[in-house]
Amino acid sequence: PWTSCLGLFEGAAAVLSARDGVLILYGPFKRDGAHTAPSNADFDMSLRARNPEWGVRDLADVCAVANAHGFSCTRSYNMPANNLSVIFHKN
């Protein structure tokens, strides 16, 4: 659920320091509202069929939550199976 994303950054902000705080997320993300691959769209539909609160999130939305909790999205890396590794640093 989206609330898990909110809770993740809220918790990370509370325990990570600005000096060395790094958070890394791995998985499929949408970019500019669009899936990056048909397999990610299928996965998203599968998740939402099981629970409407689940789903593949747009990276811009996740970065906005990160920013609101004092993190910068500093880098993303393309990974196998149309996934991303996304690096966030605590400001």
N, C-alpha and C. Protein backbone atom coordinates (compact mmCIF):
# COMPACT_ATOMS: atom_id res chain seq x y z
N PRO A 1 0.82 -1.21 0.00
CA PRO A 1 0.00 0.00 0.00
C PRO A 1 0.86 1.27 0.00
N TRP A 2 0.30 2.34 -0.51
CA TRP A 2 1.01 3.61 -0.55
C TRP A 2 1.42 4.04 0.85
N THR A 3 0.61 3.69 1.85
CA THR A 3 0.95 4.05 3.22
C THR A 3 2.27 3.41 3.66
N SER A 4 2.63 2.31 3.05
CA SER A 4 3.93 1.68 3.36
C SER A 4 5.08 2.55 2.89
N CYS A 5 4.93 3.18 1.74
CA CYS A 5 5.95 4.10 1.24
C CYS A 5 6.10 5.28 2.18
N LEU A 6 4.97 5.82 2.61
CA LEU A 6 5.00 6.95 3.54
C LEU A 6 5.67 6.56 4.84
N GLY A 7 5.31 5.39 5.36
CA GLY A 7 5.89 4.92 6.61
C GLY A 7 7.37 4.61 6.49
N LEU A 8 7.78 4.08 5.36
CA LEU A 8 9.19 3.76 5.14
C LEU A 8 10.04 5.03 5.26
N PHE A 9 9.64 6.09 4.57
CA PHE A 9 10.45 7.31 4.60
C PHE A 9 10.33 8.03 5.94
N GLU A 10 9.18 7.96 6.57
CA GLU A 10 9.04 8.55 7.89
C GLU A 10 9.98 7.86 8.89
N GLY A 11 9.98 6.53 8.85
CA GLY A 11 10.86 5.77 9.74
C GLY A 11 12.32 5.97 9.43
N ALA A 12 12.65 5.97 8.13
CA ALA A 12 14.05 6.16 7.74
C ALA A 12 14.55 7.54 8.17
N ALA A 13 13.68 8.54 8.05
CA ALA A 13 14.08 9.89 8.44
C ALA A 13 14.37 9.96 9.94
N ALA A 14 13.67 9.14 10.70
CA ALA A 14 13.85 9.16 12.15
C ALA A 14 15.13 8.45 12.60
N VAL A 15 15.60 7.48 11.83
CA VAL A 15 16.74 6.69 12.29
C VAL A 15 18.04 6.92 11.52
N LEU A 16 17.97 7.48 10.32
CA LEU A 16 19.18 7.71 9.54
C LEU A 16 19.68 9.12 9.76
N SER A 17 21.00 9.26 9.82
CA SER A 17 21.59 10.58 10.03
C SER A 17 21.91 11.24 8.69
N ALA A 18 21.99 12.55 8.70
CA ALA A 18 22.33 13.28 7.48
C ALA A 18 23.78 13.02 7.07
N ARG A 19 24.60 12.62 8.02
CA ARG A 19 26.01 12.41 7.71
C ARG A 19 26.23 11.18 6.83
N ASP A 20 25.50 10.10 7.10
CA ASP A 20 25.74 8.88 6.34
C ASP A 20 24.46 8.11 6.03
N GLY A 21 23.32 8.79 6.05
CA GLY A 21 22.05 8.12 5.82
C GLY A 21 21.81 7.82 4.36
N VAL A 22 21.70 6.54 4.04
CA VAL A 22 21.43 6.09 2.68
C VAL A 22 20.29 5.08 2.73
N LEU A 23 19.37 5.22 1.82
CA LEU A 23 18.26 4.27 1.67
C LEU A 23 18.24 3.83 0.23
N ILE A 24 18.14 2.53 0.00
CA ILE A 24 18.13 1.99 -1.35
C ILE A 24 16.85 1.20 -1.56
N LEU A 25 16.14 1.51 -2.63
CA LEU A 25 14.95 0.77 -3.01
C LEU A 25 15.24 0.01 -4.30
N TYR A 26 14.64 -1.17 -4.41
CA TYR A 26 14.81 -2.00 -5.60
C TYR A 26 13.45 -2.50 -6.03
N GLY A 27 13.17 -2.40 -7.30
CA GLY A 27 11.93 -2.95 -7.82
C GLY A 27 11.48 -2.24 -9.07
N PRO A 28 10.28 -2.59 -9.54
CA PRO A 28 9.73 -1.91 -10.71
C PRO A 28 9.13 -0.57 -10.31
N PHE A 29 9.27 0.41 -11.17
CA PHE A 29 8.68 1.73 -10.97
C PHE A 29 8.12 2.20 -12.30
N LYS A 30 7.09 3.01 -12.24
CA LYS A 30 6.64 3.74 -13.42
C LYS A 30 7.54 4.97 -13.56
N ARG A 31 7.62 5.48 -14.77
CA ARG A 31 8.31 6.74 -15.03
C ARG A 31 7.37 7.63 -15.81
N ASP A 32 7.14 8.84 -15.29
CA ASP A 32 6.21 9.78 -15.91
C ASP A 32 4.84 9.15 -16.14
N GLY A 33 4.40 8.34 -15.17
CA GLY A 33 3.08 7.73 -15.21
C GLY A 33 2.95 6.50 -16.09
N ALA A 34 4.04 6.10 -16.73
CA ALA A 34 3.99 4.96 -17.66
C ALA A 34 4.88 3.82 -17.18
N HIS A 35 4.42 2.63 -17.42
CA HIS A 35 5.25 1.47 -17.11
C HIS A 35 6.44 1.43 -18.07
N THR A 36 7.54 0.93 -17.58
CA THR A 36 8.75 0.87 -18.40
C THR A 36 8.83 -0.39 -19.24
N ALA A 37 7.92 -1.33 -18.99
CA ALA A 37 7.90 -2.58 -19.76
C ALA A 37 6.52 -3.23 -19.63
N PRO A 38 6.09 -3.96 -20.63
CA PRO A 38 4.81 -4.67 -20.53
C PRO A 38 4.75 -5.62 -19.33
N SER A 39 5.87 -6.23 -18.99
CA SER A 39 5.87 -7.15 -17.84
C SER A 39 5.58 -6.40 -16.54
N ASN A 40 6.02 -5.15 -16.43
CA ASN A 40 5.73 -4.36 -15.24
C ASN A 40 4.25 -3.98 -15.18
N ALA A 41 3.65 -3.71 -16.33
CA ALA A 41 2.21 -3.43 -16.38
C ALA A 41 1.42 -4.66 -15.96
N ASP A 42 1.83 -5.82 -16.42
CA ASP A 42 1.17 -7.07 -16.03
C ASP A 42 1.31 -7.31 -14.53
N PHE A 43 2.49 -7.08 -14.00
CA PHE A 43 2.73 -7.24 -12.57
C PHE A 43 1.86 -6.28 -11.76
N ASP A 44 1.77 -5.03 -12.21
CA ASP A 44 0.94 -4.03 -11.55
C ASP A 44 -0.52 -4.48 -11.52
N MET A 45 -1.03 -4.95 -12.64
CA MET A 45 -2.41 -5.43 -12.71
C MET A 45 -2.63 -6.61 -11.77
N SER A 46 -1.64 -7.50 -11.69
CA SER A 46 -1.73 -8.66 -10.80
C SER A 46 -1.80 -8.22 -9.34
N LEU A 47 -0.95 -7.26 -8.97
CA LEU A 47 -0.96 -6.76 -7.60
C LEU A 47 -2.30 -6.11 -7.26
N ARG A 48 -2.78 -5.25 -8.15
CA ARG A 48 -4.03 -4.51 -7.90
C ARG A 48 -5.24 -5.44 -7.88
N ALA A 49 -5.18 -6.56 -8.61
CA ALA A 49 -6.27 -7.55 -8.57
C ALA A 49 -6.34 -8.21 -7.20
N ARG A 50 -5.20 -8.37 -6.56
CA ARG A 50 -5.18 -8.98 -5.22
C ARG A 50 -5.56 -7.99 -4.14
N ASN A 51 -5.14 -6.72 -4.32
CA ASN A 51 -5.45 -5.68 -3.34
C ASN A 51 -5.36 -4.34 -4.05
N PRO A 52 -6.46 -3.60 -4.15
CA PRO A 52 -6.44 -2.32 -4.89
C PRO A 52 -5.46 -1.29 -4.33
N GLU A 53 -5.01 -1.47 -3.09
CA GLU A 53 -4.04 -0.53 -2.51
C GLU A 53 -2.60 -0.85 -2.92
N TRP A 54 -2.38 -2.01 -3.52
CA TRP A 54 -1.05 -2.40 -3.96
C TRP A 54 -0.82 -1.88 -5.37
N GLY A 55 0.43 -1.91 -5.82
CA GLY A 55 0.70 -1.56 -7.21
C GLY A 55 2.10 -1.01 -7.40
N VAL A 56 2.50 -0.93 -8.65
CA VAL A 56 3.78 -0.35 -9.03
C VAL A 56 3.62 1.17 -8.96
N ARG A 57 4.54 1.83 -8.30
CA ARG A 57 4.45 3.27 -8.06
C ARG A 57 5.29 4.05 -9.05
N ASP A 58 4.91 5.28 -9.26
CA ASP A 58 5.68 6.17 -10.12
C ASP A 58 6.88 6.69 -9.33
N LEU A 59 8.03 6.63 -9.94
CA LEU A 59 9.26 7.05 -9.27
C LEU A 59 9.18 8.51 -8.83
N ALA A 60 8.56 9.38 -9.60
CA ALA A 60 8.44 10.79 -9.22
C ALA A 60 7.64 10.95 -7.94
N ASP A 61 6.60 10.14 -7.77
CA ASP A 61 5.80 10.20 -6.54
C ASP A 61 6.60 9.73 -5.34
N VAL A 62 7.37 8.67 -5.52
CA VAL A 62 8.21 8.17 -4.43
C VAL A 62 9.28 9.20 -4.08
N CYS A 63 9.88 9.82 -5.08
CA CYS A 63 10.90 10.85 -4.82
C CYS A 63 10.30 12.06 -4.11
N ALA A 64 9.05 12.40 -4.41
CA ALA A 64 8.39 13.52 -3.73
C ALA A 64 8.21 13.22 -2.24
N VAL A 65 7.84 11.99 -1.92
CA VAL A 65 7.72 11.58 -0.52
C VAL A 65 9.10 11.62 0.14
N ALA A 66 10.09 11.12 -0.56
CA ALA A 66 11.46 11.15 -0.03
C ALA A 66 11.88 12.58 0.29
N ASN A 67 11.66 13.48 -0.64
CA ASN A 67 12.03 14.89 -0.44
C ASN A 67 11.31 15.49 0.76
N ALA A 68 10.05 15.15 0.93
CA ALA A 68 9.28 15.67 2.05
C ALA A 68 9.81 15.20 3.40
N HIS A 69 10.56 14.10 3.37
CA HIS A 69 11.14 13.55 4.61
C HIS A 69 12.65 13.78 4.70
N GLY A 70 13.16 14.69 3.88
CA GLY A 70 14.56 15.07 3.99
C GLY A 70 15.55 14.21 3.22
N PHE A 71 15.07 13.53 2.19
CA PHE A 71 15.95 12.70 1.36
C PHE A 71 16.01 13.26 -0.05
N SER A 72 17.14 13.05 -0.70
CA SER A 72 17.28 13.36 -2.12
C SER A 72 17.45 12.06 -2.88
N CYS A 73 16.76 11.98 -4.01
CA CYS A 73 16.93 10.83 -4.90
C CYS A 73 18.17 11.14 -5.73
N THR A 74 19.27 10.48 -5.39
CA THR A 74 20.54 10.88 -5.99
C THR A 74 20.91 10.09 -7.23
N ARG A 75 20.36 8.88 -7.37
CA ARG A 75 20.76 8.07 -8.53
C ARG A 75 19.82 6.90 -8.69
N SER A 76 19.61 6.47 -9.91
CA SER A 76 18.90 5.21 -10.16
C SER A 76 19.69 4.42 -11.19
N TYR A 77 19.61 3.12 -11.04
CA TYR A 77 20.34 2.21 -11.92
C TYR A 77 19.35 1.23 -12.52
N ASN A 78 19.44 1.03 -13.83
CA ASN A 78 18.65 -0.01 -14.47
C ASN A 78 19.18 -1.36 -14.04
N MET A 79 18.25 -2.24 -13.70
CA MET A 79 18.61 -3.57 -13.22
C MET A 79 17.91 -4.62 -14.09
N PRO A 80 18.25 -5.89 -13.89
CA PRO A 80 17.58 -6.95 -14.66
C PRO A 80 16.07 -6.95 -14.44
N ALA A 81 15.37 -7.53 -15.38
CA ALA A 81 13.92 -7.73 -15.33
C ALA A 81 13.15 -6.41 -15.21
N ASN A 82 13.68 -5.36 -15.83
CA ASN A 82 13.01 -4.05 -15.87
C ASN A 82 12.81 -3.42 -14.50
N ASN A 83 13.69 -3.72 -13.57
CA ASN A 83 13.67 -3.12 -12.24
C ASN A 83 14.68 -1.98 -12.16
N LEU A 84 14.57 -1.21 -11.09
CA LEU A 84 15.52 -0.15 -10.80
C LEU A 84 16.06 -0.32 -9.39
N SER A 85 17.29 0.07 -9.19
CA SER A 85 17.83 0.34 -7.85
C SER A 85 17.88 1.85 -7.73
N VAL A 86 17.24 2.38 -6.70
CA VAL A 86 17.14 3.83 -6.52
C VAL A 86 17.81 4.20 -5.20
N ILE A 87 18.75 5.14 -5.28
CA ILE A 87 19.55 5.54 -4.11
C ILE A 87 19.04 6.88 -3.59
N PHE A 88 18.76 6.91 -2.30
CA PHE A 88 18.34 8.14 -1.61
C PHE A 88 19.34 8.46 -0.54
N HIS A 89 19.73 9.73 -0.42
CA HIS A 89 20.61 10.19 0.63
C HIS A 89 19.86 11.17 1.54
N LYS A 90 20.08 11.03 2.81
CA LYS A 90 19.47 11.95 3.80
C LYS A 90 20.17 13.29 3.69
N ASN A 91 19.39 14.35 3.63
CA ASN A 91 19.95 15.71 3.52
C ASN A 91 20.41 16.20 4.87
